[in-house]
PDB file of N, CA and C in Angstrom:
ATOM      1  N   UNK A   1      -2.864  -0.559  11.056  1.00  0.00           N
ATOM      2  CA  UNK A   1      -3.687  -1.337  10.151  1.00  0.00           C
ATOM      3  C   UNK A   1      -3.833  -2.740  10.705  1.00  0.00           C
ATOM      4  N   UNK A   2      -5.032  -3.267  10.606  1.00  0.00           N
ATOM      5  CA  UNK A   2      -5.310  -4.627  11.063  1.00  0.00           C
ATOM      6  C   UNK A   2      -4.946  -5.589   9.936  1.00  0.00           C
ATOM      7  N   UNK A   3      -4.034  -6.510  10.239  1.00  0.00           N
ATOM      8  CA  UNK A   3      -3.632  -7.499   9.235  1.00  0.00           C
ATOM      9  C   UNK A   3      -4.655  -8.634   9.189  1.00  0.00           C
ATOM     10  N   UNK A   4      -4.854  -9.217   8.009  1.00  0.00           N
ATOM     11  CA  UNK A   4      -5.714 -10.408   7.946  1.00  0.00           C
ATOM     12  C   UNK A   4      -4.949 -11.594   8.524  1.00  0.00           C
ATOM     13  N   UNK A   5      -5.641 -12.695   8.679  1.00  0.00           N
ATOM     14  CA  UNK A   5      -4.925 -13.931   8.995  1.00  0.00           C
ATOM     15  C   UNK A   5      -3.970 -14.186   7.830  1.00  0.00           C
ATOM     16  N   UNK A   6      -2.727 -14.545   8.133  1.00  0.00           N
ATOM     17  CA  UNK A   6      -1.773 -14.761   7.046  1.00  0.00           C
ATOM     18  C   UNK A   6      -0.715 -15.776   7.444  1.00  0.00           C
ATOM     19  N   UNK A   7       0.002 -16.246   6.430  1.00  0.00           N
ATOM     20  CA  UNK A   7       1.106 -17.180   6.628  1.00  0.00           C
ATOM     21  C   UNK A   7       2.257 -16.720   5.743  1.00  0.00           C
ATOM     22  N   UNK A   8       3.405 -16.473   6.342  1.00  0.00           N
ATOM     23  CA  UNK A   8       4.589 -16.084   5.590  1.00  0.00           C
ATOM     24  C   UNK A   8       5.168 -17.315   4.909  1.00  0.00           C
ATOM     25  N   UNK A   9       5.272 -17.262   3.592  1.00  0.00           N
ATOM     26  CA  UNK A   9       5.801 -18.389   2.823  1.00  0.00           C
ATOM     27  C   UNK A   9       7.283 -18.217   2.516  1.00  0.00           C
ATOM     28  N   UNK A  10       7.678 -16.964   2.263  1.00  0.00           N
ATOM     29  CA  UNK A  10       9.056 -16.719   1.850  1.00  0.00           C
ATOM     30  C   UNK A  10       9.461 -15.323   2.296  1.00  0.00           C
ATOM     31  N   UNK A  11      10.674 -15.215   2.815  1.00  0.00           N
ATOM     32  CA  UNK A  11      11.199 -13.907   3.195  1.00  0.00           C
ATOM     33  C   UNK A  11      12.702 -13.913   2.983  1.00  0.00           C
ATOM     34  N   UNK A  12      13.137 -13.217   1.943  1.00  0.00           N
ATOM     35  CA  UNK A  12      14.554 -13.014   1.680  1.00  0.00           C
ATOM     36  C   UNK A  12      14.802 -11.511   1.623  1.00  0.00           C
ATOM     37  N   UNK A  13      16.036 -11.117   1.365  1.00  0.00           N
ATOM     38  CA  UNK A  13      16.343  -9.683   1.252  1.00  0.00           C
ATOM     39  C   UNK A  13      15.646  -9.030   0.071  1.00  0.00           C
ATOM     40  N   UNK A  14      15.203  -9.839  -0.903  1.00  0.00           N
ATOM     41  CA  UNK A  14      14.628  -9.275  -2.125  1.00  0.00           C
ATOM     42  C   UNK A  14      13.247  -9.801  -2.481  1.00  0.00           C
ATOM     43  N   UNK A  15      12.699 -10.699  -1.666  1.00  0.00           N
ATOM     44  CA  UNK A  15      11.388 -11.246  -2.015  1.00  0.00           C
ATOM     45  C   UNK A  15      10.599 -11.634  -0.762  1.00  0.00           C
ATOM     46  N   UNK A  16       9.324 -11.266  -0.784  1.00  0.00           N
ATOM     47  CA  UNK A  16       8.371 -11.688   0.240  1.00  0.00           C
ATOM     48  C   UNK A  16       7.236 -12.415  -0.448  1.00  0.00           C
ATOM     49  N   UNK A  17       6.763 -13.468   0.173  1.00  0.00           N
ATOM     50  CA  UNK A  17       5.562 -14.131  -0.306  1.00  0.00           C
ATOM     51  C   UNK A  17       4.702 -14.457   0.912  1.00  0.00           C
ATOM     52  N   UNK A  18       3.480 -13.937   0.901  1.00  0.00           N
ATOM     53  CA  UNK A  18       2.579 -14.053   2.036  1.00  0.00           C
ATOM     54  C   UNK A  18       1.232 -14.572   1.535  1.00  0.00           C
ATOM     55  N   UNK A  19       0.719 -15.593   2.202  1.00  0.00           N
ATOM     56  CA  UNK A  19      -0.633 -16.063   1.914  1.00  0.00           C
ATOM     57  C   UNK A  19      -1.569 -15.328   2.869  1.00  0.00           C
ATOM     58  N   UNK A  20      -2.549 -14.623   2.322  1.00  0.00           N
ATOM     59  CA  UNK A  20      -3.498 -13.835   3.105  1.00  0.00           C
ATOM     60  C   UNK A  20      -4.877 -14.469   3.018  1.00  0.00           C
ATOM     61  N   UNK A  21      -5.487 -14.682   4.176  1.00  0.00           N
ATOM     62  CA  UNK A  21      -6.824 -15.263   4.261  1.00  0.00           C
ATOM     63  C   UNK A  21      -7.800 -14.144   4.612  1.00  0.00           C
ATOM     64  N   UNK A  22      -8.655 -13.779   3.675  1.00  0.00           N
ATOM     65  CA  UNK A  22      -9.593 -12.680   3.871  1.00  0.00           C
ATOM     66  C   UNK A  22     -10.982 -13.239   4.209  1.00  0.00           C
ATOM     67  N   UNK A  23     -11.219 -13.398   5.498  1.00  0.00           N
ATOM     68  CA  UNK A  23     -12.498 -13.924   5.980  1.00  0.00           C
ATOM     69  C   UNK A  23     -13.556 -12.823   5.957  1.00  0.00           C
ATOM     70  N   UNK A  24     -14.808 -13.213   6.014  1.00  0.00           N
ATOM     71  CA  UNK A  24     -15.911 -12.246   5.922  1.00  0.00           C
ATOM     72  C   UNK A  24     -15.947 -11.266   7.088  1.00  0.00           C
ATOM     73  N   UNK A  25     -15.340 -11.616   8.219  1.00  0.00           N
ATOM     74  CA  UNK A  25     -15.336 -10.703   9.361  1.00  0.00           C
ATOM     75  C   UNK A  25     -14.140  -9.746   9.371  1.00  0.00           C
ATOM     76  N   UNK A  26     -13.326  -9.753   8.326  1.00  0.00           N
ATOM     77  CA  UNK A  26     -12.204  -8.808   8.242  1.00  0.00           C
ATOM     78  C   UNK A  26     -12.800  -7.399   8.171  1.00  0.00           C
ATOM     79  N   UNK A  27     -12.450  -6.526   9.102  1.00  0.00           N
ATOM     80  CA  UNK A  27     -13.176  -5.260   9.261  1.00  0.00           C
ATOM     81  C   UNK A  27     -13.165  -4.331   8.054  1.00  0.00           C
ATOM     82  N   UNK A  28     -12.194  -4.438   7.181  1.00  0.00           N
ATOM     83  CA  UNK A  28     -12.111  -3.516   6.048  1.00  0.00           C
ATOM     84  C   UNK A  28     -13.083  -3.851   4.916  1.00  0.00           C
ATOM     85  N   UNK A  29     -13.819  -4.949   5.046  1.00  0.00           N
ATOM     86  CA  UNK A  29     -14.867  -5.231   4.069  1.00  0.00           C
ATOM     87  C   UNK A  29     -16.116  -4.381   4.325  1.00  0.00           C
ATOM     88  N   UNK A  30     -16.259  -3.894   5.536  1.00  0.00           N
ATOM     89  CA  UNK A  30     -17.446  -3.129   5.902  1.00  0.00           C
ATOM     90  C   UNK A  30     -17.420  -1.730   5.298  1.00  0.00           C
ATOM     91  N   UNK A  31     -18.536  -1.322   4.749  1.00  0.00           N
ATOM     92  CA  UNK A  31     -18.735   0.070   4.405  1.00  0.00           C
ATOM     93  C   UNK A  31     -18.217   0.551   3.063  1.00  0.00           C
ATOM     94  N   UNK A  32     -17.527  -0.272   2.295  1.00  0.00           N
ATOM     95  CA  UNK A  32     -17.039   0.244   1.017  1.00  0.00           C
ATOM     96  C   UNK A  32     -18.213   0.501   0.081  1.00  0.00           C
ATOM     97  N   UNK A  33     -19.053  -0.495  -0.082  1.00  0.00           N
ATOM     98  CA  UNK A  33     -20.312  -0.344  -0.808  1.00  0.00           C
ATOM     99  C   UNK A  33     -21.397  -1.013   0.026  1.00  0.00           C
ATOM    100  N   UNK A  34     -22.544  -0.382   0.182  1.00  0.00           N
ATOM    101  CA  UNK A  34     -23.630  -1.041   0.923  1.00  0.00           C
ATOM    102  C   UNK A  34     -24.025  -2.354   0.235  1.00  0.00           C
ATOM    103  N   UNK A  35     -24.118  -3.400   0.997  1.00  0.00           N
ATOM    104  CA  UNK A  35     -24.535  -4.725   0.517  1.00  0.00           C
ATOM    105  C   UNK A  35     -23.589  -5.349  -0.496  1.00  0.00           C
ATOM    106  N   UNK A  36     -22.393  -4.806  -0.660  1.00  0.00           N
ATOM    107  CA  UNK A  36     -21.399  -5.397  -1.559  1.00  0.00           C
ATOM    108  C   UNK A  36     -20.021  -5.271  -0.908  1.00  0.00           C
ATOM    109  N   UNK A  37     -19.688  -6.195  -0.007  1.00  0.00           N
ATOM    110  CA  UNK A  37     -18.403  -6.099   0.682  1.00  0.00           C
ATOM    111  C   UNK A  37     -17.240  -6.464  -0.238  1.00  0.00           C
ATOM    112  N   UNK A  38     -16.382  -5.471  -0.497  1.00  0.00           N
ATOM    113  CA  UNK A  38     -15.152  -5.707  -1.253  1.00  0.00           C
ATOM    114  C   UNK A  38     -14.004  -5.068  -0.482  1.00  0.00           C
ATOM    115  N   UNK A  39     -12.795  -5.497  -0.781  1.00  0.00           N
ATOM    116  CA  UNK A  39     -11.622  -4.922  -0.136  1.00  0.00           C
ATOM    117  C   UNK A  39     -11.107  -3.775  -0.998  1.00  0.00           C
ATOM    118  N   UNK A  40     -11.127  -2.582  -0.432  1.00  0.00           N
ATOM    119  CA  UNK A  40     -10.725  -1.382  -1.170  1.00  0.00           C
ATOM    120  C   UNK A  40      -9.251  -1.441  -1.570  1.00  0.00           C
ATOM    121  N   UNK A  41      -8.940  -0.786  -2.669  1.00  0.00           N
ATOM    122  CA  UNK A  41      -7.570  -0.734  -3.158  1.00  0.00           C
ATOM    123  C   UNK A  41      -6.614  -0.115  -2.160  1.00  0.00           C
ATOM    124  N   UNK A  42      -7.066   0.904  -1.440  1.00  0.00           N
ATOM    125  CA  UNK A  42      -6.191   1.551  -0.463  1.00  0.00           C
ATOM    126  C   UNK A  42      -5.804   0.575   0.655  1.00  0.00           C
ATOM    127  N   UNK A  43      -6.668  -0.358   0.986  1.00  0.00           N
ATOM    128  CA  UNK A  43      -6.340  -1.376   1.984  1.00  0.00           C
ATOM    129  C   UNK A  43      -5.305  -2.342   1.416  1.00  0.00           C
ATOM    130  N   UNK A  44      -5.463  -2.713   0.164  1.00  0.00           N
ATOM    131  CA  UNK A  44      -4.480  -3.595  -0.461  1.00  0.00           C
ATOM    132  C   UNK A  44      -3.094  -2.957  -0.448  1.00  0.00           C
ATOM    133  N   UNK A  45      -3.023  -1.665  -0.769  1.00  0.00           N
ATOM    134  CA  UNK A  45      -1.737  -0.953  -0.713  1.00  0.00           C
ATOM    135  C   UNK A  45      -1.213  -0.893   0.720  1.00  0.00           C
ATOM    136  N   UNK A  46      -2.096  -0.609   1.654  1.00  0.00           N
ATOM    137  CA  UNK A  46      -1.691  -0.525   3.054  1.00  0.00           C
ATOM    138  C   UNK A  46      -1.095  -1.823   3.562  1.00  0.00           C
ATOM    139  N   UNK A  47      -1.641  -2.946   3.141  1.00  0.00           N
ATOM    140  CA  UNK A  47      -1.100  -4.236   3.551  1.00  0.00           C
ATOM    141  C   UNK A  47       0.294  -4.462   2.975  1.00  0.00           C
ATOM    142  N   UNK A  48       0.522  -4.036   1.747  1.00  0.00           N
ATOM    143  CA  UNK A  48       1.868  -4.136   1.157  1.00  0.00           C
ATOM    144  C   UNK A  48       2.842  -3.334   2.015  1.00  0.00           C
ATOM    145  N   UNK A  49       2.481  -2.095   2.352  1.00  0.00           N
ATOM    146  CA  UNK A  49       3.333  -1.266   3.217  1.00  0.00           C
ATOM    147  C   UNK A  49       3.619  -1.967   4.548  1.00  0.00           C
ATOM    148  N   UNK A  50       2.581  -2.523   5.149  1.00  0.00           N
ATOM    149  CA  UNK A  50       2.738  -3.163   6.466  1.00  0.00           C
ATOM    150  C   UNK A  50       3.686  -4.354   6.406  1.00  0.00           C
ATOM    151  N   UNK A  51       3.530  -5.207   5.397  1.00  0.00           N
ATOM    152  CA  UNK A  51       4.405  -6.379   5.299  1.00  0.00           C
ATOM    153  C   UNK A  51       5.845  -5.970   4.995  1.00  0.00           C
ATOM    154  N   UNK A  52       6.048  -4.956   4.156  1.00  0.00           N
ATOM    155  CA  UNK A  52       7.402  -4.466   3.879  1.00  0.00           C
ATOM    156  C   UNK A  52       8.028  -3.916   5.160  1.00  0.00           C
ATOM    157  N   UNK A  53       7.273  -3.135   5.901  1.00  0.00           N
ATOM    158  CA  UNK A  53       7.770  -2.574   7.163  1.00  0.00           C
ATOM    159  C   UNK A  53       8.107  -3.686   8.155  1.00  0.00           C
ATOM    160  N   UNK A  54       7.219  -4.655   8.267  1.00  0.00           N
ATOM    161  CA  UNK A  54       7.398  -5.718   9.252  1.00  0.00           C
ATOM    162  C   UNK A  54       8.578  -6.629   8.940  1.00  0.00           C
ATOM    163  N   UNK A  55       8.733  -7.011   7.681  1.00  0.00           N
ATOM    164  CA  UNK A  55       9.742  -8.020   7.354  1.00  0.00           C
ATOM    165  C   UNK A  55      11.036  -7.446   6.776  1.00  0.00           C
ATOM    166  N   UNK A  56      10.986  -6.308   6.129  1.00  0.00           N
ATOM    167  CA  UNK A  56      12.207  -5.699   5.600  1.00  0.00           C
ATOM    168  C   UNK A  56      12.663  -4.500   6.418  1.00  0.00           C
ATOM    169  N   UNK A  57      11.833  -4.092   7.384  1.00  0.00           N
ATOM    170  CA  UNK A  57      12.149  -2.926   8.217  1.00  0.00           C
ATOM    171  C   UNK A  57      12.443  -1.698   7.364  1.00  0.00           C
ATOM    172  N   UNK A  58      11.639  -1.525   6.335  1.00  0.00           N
ATOM    173  CA  UNK A  58      11.802  -0.405   5.400  1.00  0.00           C
ATOM    174  C   UNK A  58      10.470   0.332   5.299  1.00  0.00           C
ATOM    175  N   UNK A  59      10.505   1.639   5.489  1.00  0.00           N
ATOM    176  CA  UNK A  59       9.300   2.447   5.398  1.00  0.00           C
ATOM    177  C   UNK A  59       9.243   3.083   4.013  1.00  0.00           C
ATOM    178  N   UNK A  60       8.281   2.661   3.199  1.00  0.00           N
ATOM    179  CA  UNK A  60       8.173   3.204   1.834  1.00  0.00           C
ATOM    180  C   UNK A  60       6.916   4.042   1.660  1.00  0.00           C
ATOM    181  N   UNK A  61       6.261   4.416   2.768  1.00  0.00           N
ATOM    182  CA  UNK A  61       4.994   5.153   2.667  1.00  0.00           C
ATOM    183  C   UNK A  61       5.117   6.468   1.897  1.00  0.00           C
ATOM    184  N   UNK A  62       6.287   7.081   1.900  1.00  0.00           N
ATOM    185  CA  UNK A  62       6.459   8.345   1.185  1.00  0.00           C
ATOM    186  C   UNK A  62       7.086   8.167  -0.201  1.00  0.00           C
ATOM    187  N   UNK A  63       7.398   6.936  -0.548  1.00  0.00           N
ATOM    188  CA  UNK A  63       7.956   6.677  -1.876  1.00  0.00           C
ATOM    189  C   UNK A  63       6.861   6.819  -2.938  1.00  0.00           C
ATOM    190  N   UNK A  64       7.218   7.349  -4.094  1.00  0.00           N
ATOM    191  CA  UNK A  64       6.216   7.468  -5.166  1.00  0.00           C
ATOM    192  C   UNK A  64       5.682   6.100  -5.620  1.00  0.00           C
ATOM    193  N   UNK A  65       4.391   6.064  -5.892  1.00  0.00           N
ATOM    194  CA  UNK A  65       3.771   4.886  -6.498  1.00  0.00           C
ATOM    195  C   UNK A  65       3.806   5.131  -8.002  1.00  0.00           C
ATOM    196  N   UNK A  66       4.561   4.301  -8.719  1.00  0.00           N
ATOM    197  CA  UNK A  66       4.698   4.502 -10.162  1.00  0.00           C
ATOM    198  C   UNK A  66       3.504   3.941 -10.929  1.00  0.00           C
ATOM    199  N   UNK A  67       2.936   2.851 -10.404  1.00  0.00           N
ATOM    200  CA  UNK A  67       1.852   2.202 -11.142  1.00  0.00           C
ATOM    201  C   UNK A  67       1.054   1.307 -10.198  1.00  0.00           C
ATOM    202  N   UNK A  68      -0.260   1.318 -10.335  1.00  0.00           N
ATOM    203  CA  UNK A  68      -1.131   0.379  -9.631  1.00  0.00           C
ATOM    204  C   UNK A  68      -2.238  -0.030 -10.594  1.00  0.00           C
ATOM    205  N   UNK A  69      -2.495  -1.325 -10.660  1.00  0.00           N
ATOM    206  CA  UNK A  69      -3.579  -1.850 -11.496  1.00  0.00           C
ATOM    207  C   UNK A  69      -4.473  -2.734 -10.634  1.00  0.00           C
ATOM    208  N   UNK A  70      -5.743  -2.369 -10.586  1.00  0.00           N
ATOM    209  CA  UNK A  70      -6.742  -3.192  -9.909  1.00  0.00           C
ATOM    210  C   UNK A  70      -7.518  -3.913 -11.004  1.00  0.00           C
ATOM    211  N   UNK A  71      -7.336  -5.232 -11.067  1.00  0.00           N
ATOM    212  CA  UNK A  71      -7.898  -5.978 -12.187  1.00  0.00           C
ATOM    213  C   UNK A  71      -9.162  -6.758 -11.832  1.00  0.00           C
ATOM    214  N   UNK A  72      -9.310  -7.140 -10.581  1.00  0.00           N
ATOM    215  CA  UNK A  72     -10.480  -7.906 -10.142  1.00  0.00           C
ATOM    216  C   UNK A  72     -10.893  -7.408  -8.762  1.00  0.00           C
ATOM    217  N   UNK A  73     -12.172  -7.492  -8.464  1.00  0.00           N
ATOM    218  CA  UNK A  73     -12.657  -7.158  -7.132  1.00  0.00           C
ATOM    219  C   UNK A  73     -12.298  -8.281  -6.164  1.00  0.00           C
ATOM    220  N   UNK A  74     -12.026  -7.895  -4.932  1.00  0.00           N
ATOM    221  CA  UNK A  74     -11.699  -8.883  -3.903  1.00  0.00           C
ATOM    222  C   UNK A  74     -12.848  -8.958  -2.905  1.00  0.00           C
ATOM    223  N   UNK A  75     -13.501 -10.108  -2.880  1.00  0.00           N
ATOM    224  CA  UNK A  75     -14.641 -10.354  -2.009  1.00  0.00           C
ATOM    225  C   UNK A  75     -14.207 -11.173  -0.791  1.00  0.00           C
ATOM    226  N   UNK A  76     -15.039 -11.179   0.257  1.00  0.00           N
ATOM    227  CA  UNK A  76     -14.714 -11.991   1.445  1.00  0.00           C
ATOM    228  C   UNK A  76     -14.596 -13.477   1.107  1.00  0.00           C
ATOM    229  N   UNK A  77     -13.921 -14.173   2.012  1.00  0.00           N
ATOM    230  CA  UNK A  77     -13.713 -15.618   1.938  1.00  0.00           C
ATOM    231  C   UNK A  77     -12.833 -16.018   0.762  1.00  0.00           C
ATOM    232  N   UNK A  78     -11.831 -15.199   0.494  1.00  0.00           N
ATOM    233  CA  UNK A  78     -10.840 -15.521  -0.525  1.00  0.00           C
ATOM    234  C   UNK A  78      -9.462 -15.622   0.112  1.00  0.00           C
ATOM    235  N   UNK A  79      -8.631 -16.452  -0.498  1.00  0.00           N
ATOM    236  CA  UNK A  79      -7.241 -16.597  -0.086  1.00  0.00           C
ATOM    237  C   UNK A  79      -6.383 -16.089  -1.232  1.00  0.00           C
ATOM    238  N   UNK A  80      -5.504 -15.152  -0.919  1.00  0.00           N
ATOM    239  CA  UNK A  80      -4.629 -14.567  -1.932  1.00  0.00           C
ATOM    240  C   UNK A  80      -3.175 -14.792  -1.585  1.00  0.00           C
ATOM    241  N   UNK A  81      -2.354 -14.820  -2.602  1.00  0.00           N
ATOM    242  CA  UNK A  81      -0.908 -14.819  -2.420  1.00  0.00           C
ATOM    243  C   UNK A  81      -0.420 -13.418  -2.775  1.00  0.00           C
ATOM    244  N   UNK A  82       0.274 -12.800  -1.847  1.00  0.00           N
ATOM    245  CA  UNK A  82       0.911 -11.511  -2.093  1.00  0.00           C
ATOM    246  C   UNK A  82       2.386 -11.765  -2.313  1.00  0.00           C
ATOM    247  N   UNK A  83       2.861 -11.352  -3.473  1.00  0.00           N
ATOM    248  CA  UNK A  83       4.286 -11.488  -3.782  1.00  0.00           C
ATOM    249  C   UNK A  83       4.864 -10.088  -3.940  1.00  0.00           C
ATOM    250  N   UNK A  84       5.934  -9.813  -3.197  1.00  0.00           N
ATOM    251  CA  UNK A  84       6.607  -8.519  -3.221  1.00  0.00           C
ATOM    252  C   UNK A  84       8.066  -8.765  -3.580  1.00  0.00           C
ATOM    253  N   UNK A  85       8.568  -7.989  -4.548  1.00  0.00           N
ATOM    254  CA  UNK A  85       9.965  -8.145  -4.981  1.00  0.00           C
ATOM    255  C   UNK A  85      10.676  -6.797  -4.951  1.00  0.00           C
ATOM    256  N   UNK A  86      11.855  -6.800  -4.367  1.00  0.00           N
ATOM    257  CA  UNK A  86      12.694  -5.606  -4.346  1.00  0.00           C
ATOM    258  C   UNK A  86      13.722  -5.745  -5.470  1.00  0.00           C
ATOM    259  N   UNK A  87      13.655  -4.829  -6.426  1.00  0.00           N
ATOM    260  CA  UNK A  87      14.574  -4.834  -7.570  1.00  0.00           C
ATOM    261  C   UNK A  87      15.474  -3.610  -7.435  1.00  0.00           C
ATOM    262  N   UNK A  88      16.538  -3.765  -6.645  1.00  0.00           N
ATOM    263  CA  UNK A  88      17.397  -2.617  -6.343  1.00  0.00           C
ATOM    264  C   UNK A  88      18.093  -2.077  -7.594  1.00  0.00           C
ATOM    265  N   UNK A  89      18.406  -2.947  -8.541  1.00  0.00           N
ATOM    266  CA  UNK A  89      19.055  -2.480  -9.780  1.00  0.00           C
ATOM    267  C   UNK A  89      18.129  -1.575 -10.602  1.00  0.00           C
ATOM    268  N   UNK A  90      16.808  -1.770 -10.475  1.00  0.00           N
ATOM    269  CA  UNK A  90      15.832  -0.932 -11.175  1.00  0.00           C
ATOM    270  C   UNK A  90      15.237   0.131 -10.249  1.00  0.00           C
ATOM    271  N   UNK A  91      15.705   0.151  -8.996  1.00  0.00           N
ATOM    272  CA  UNK A  91      15.246   1.119  -7.987  1.00  0.00           C
ATOM    273  C   UNK A  91      13.727   1.085  -7.824  1.00  0.00           C
ATOM    274  N   UNK A  92      13.199  -0.147  -7.620  1.00  0.00           N
ATOM    275  CA  UNK A  92      11.759  -0.283  -7.459  1.00  0.00           C
ATOM    276  C   UNK A  92      11.405  -1.517  -6.638  1.00  0.00           C
ATOM    277  N   UNK A  93      10.188  -1.492  -6.132  1.00  0.00           N
ATOM    278  CA  UNK A  93       9.568  -2.636  -5.466  1.00  0.00           C
ATOM    279  C   UNK A  93       8.280  -2.925  -6.217  1.00  0.00           C
ATOM    280  N   UNK A  94       8.093  -4.171  -6.604  1.00  0.00           N
ATOM    281  CA  UNK A  94       6.863  -4.559  -7.290  1.00  0.00           C
ATOM    282  C   UNK A  94       6.043  -5.451  -6.358  1.00  0.00           C
ATOM    283  N   UNK A  95       4.720  -5.442  -6.554  1.00  0.00           N
ATOM    284  CA  UNK A  95       3.865  -6.345  -5.796  1.00  0.00           C
ATOM    285  C   UNK A  95       2.774  -6.882  -6.705  1.00  0.00           C
ATOM    286  N   UNK A  96       2.268  -8.041  -6.314  1.00  0.00           N
ATOM    287  CA  UNK A  96       1.147  -8.647  -7.028  1.00  0.00           C
ATOM    288  C   UNK A  96       0.345  -9.485  -6.042  1.00  0.00           C
ATOM    289  N   UNK A  97      -0.973  -9.284  -6.050  1.00  0.00           N
ATOM    290  CA  UNK A  97      -1.903 -10.151  -5.326  1.00  0.00           C
ATOM    291  C   UNK A  97      -2.495 -11.104  -6.350  1.00  0.00           C
ATOM    292  N   UNK A  98      -2.457 -12.408  -6.032  1.00  0.00           N
ATOM    293  CA  UNK A  98      -3.020 -13.410  -6.928  1.00  0.00           C
ATOM    294  C   UNK A  98      -3.990 -14.315  -6.177  1.00  0.00           C
ATOM    295  N   UNK A  99      -5.024 -14.717  -6.877  1.00  0.00           N
ATOM    296  CA  UNK A  99      -5.951 -15.739  -6.400  1.00  0.00           C
ATOM    297  C   UNK A  99      -5.859 -16.861  -7.430  1.00  0.00           C
ATOM    298  N   UNK A 100      -5.142 -17.925  -7.092  1.00  0.00           N
ATOM    299  CA  UNK A 100      -4.845 -18.955  -8.089  1.00  0.00           C
ATOM    300  C   UNK A 100      -3.960 -18.359  -9.162  1.00  0.00           C
ATOM    301  N   UNK A 101      -4.377 -18.499 -10.414  1.00  0.00           N
ATOM    302  CA  UNK A 101      -3.614 -17.934 -11.530  1.00  0.00           C
ATOM    303  C   UNK A 101      -4.094 -16.542 -11.931  1.00  0.00           C
ATOM    304  N   UNK A 102      -5.054 -15.992 -11.217  1.00  0.00           N
ATOM    305  CA  UNK A 102      -5.652 -14.707 -11.567  1.00  0.00           C
ATOM    306  C   UNK A 102      -5.016 -13.588 -10.763  1.00  0.00           C
ATOM    307  N   UNK A 103      -4.527 -12.567 -11.455  1.00  0.00           N
ATOM    308  CA  UNK A 103      -4.007 -11.377 -10.783  1.00  0.00           C
ATOM    309  C   UNK A 103      -5.170 -10.506 -10.344  1.00  0.00           C
ATOM    310  N   UNK A 104      -5.197 -10.163  -9.057  1.00  0.00           N
ATOM    311  CA  UNK A 104      -6.221  -9.293  -8.499  1.00  0.00           C
ATOM    312  C   UNK A 104      -5.775  -7.833  -8.607  1.00  0.00           C
ATOM    313  N   UNK A 105      -4.544  -7.575  -8.220  1.00  0.00           N
ATOM    314  CA  UNK A 105      -3.974  -6.234  -8.339  1.00  0.00           C
ATOM    315  C   UNK A 105      -2.453  -6.335  -8.363  1.00  0.00           C
ATOM    316  N   UNK A 106      -1.812  -5.285  -8.847  1.00  0.00           N
ATOM    317  CA  UNK A 106      -0.350  -5.255  -8.906  1.00  0.00           C
ATOM    318  C   UNK A 106       0.095  -3.805  -8.937  1.00  0.00           C
ATOM    319  N   UNK A 107       1.375  -3.605  -8.654  1.00  0.00           N
ATOM    320  CA  UNK A 107       1.875  -2.241  -8.683  1.00  0.00           C
ATOM    321  C   UNK A 107       3.382  -2.158  -8.531  1.00  0.00           C
ATOM    322  N   UNK A 108       3.854  -0.912  -8.662  1.00  0.00           N
ATOM    323  CA  UNK A 108       5.295  -0.616  -8.588  1.00  0.00           C
ATOM    324  C   UNK A 108       5.492   0.620  -7.731  1.00  0.00           C
ATOM    325  N   UNK A 109       6.418   0.526  -6.770  1.00  0.00           N
ATOM    326  CA  UNK A 109       6.842   1.659  -5.952  1.00  0.00           C
ATOM    327  C   UNK A 109       8.278   2.008  -6.329  1.00  0.00           C
ATOM    328  N   UNK A 110       8.596   3.290  -6.342  1.00  0.00           N
ATOM    329  CA  UNK A 110       9.983   3.722  -6.528  1.00  0.00           C
ATOM    330  C   UNK A 110      10.755   3.508  -5.230  1.00  0.00           C
ATOM    331  N   UNK A 111      12.042   3.229  -5.365  1.00  0.00           N
ATOM    332  CA  UNK A 111      12.922   3.160  -4.183  1.00  0.00           C
ATOM    333  C   UNK A 111      13.680   4.456  -4.035  1.00  0.00           C
TER     334      UNK A 111
END
């Protein structure tokens, strides 16, 4: 998967925070809808997997997805904060993409 331009803000054993810059030339905007470039939900999930693999060295691709909510469309030229939290006591990983105070999408993976 091709990662967008990004900046790692925080990386601990239980929390990741990544600022993602989604420029108009990011290849995954192409082809979802003709004349309406948006970032597909499957790409958003794929980026969560990639950052978890890269920074926590944990492969969760086969873990069940308990919940995913897509609340807003993601268009080119947006900057999002991706926050990922590992809650080992609850046996889950949560994620949230935010643009300012607005949640774009969020979800929960089982551990």
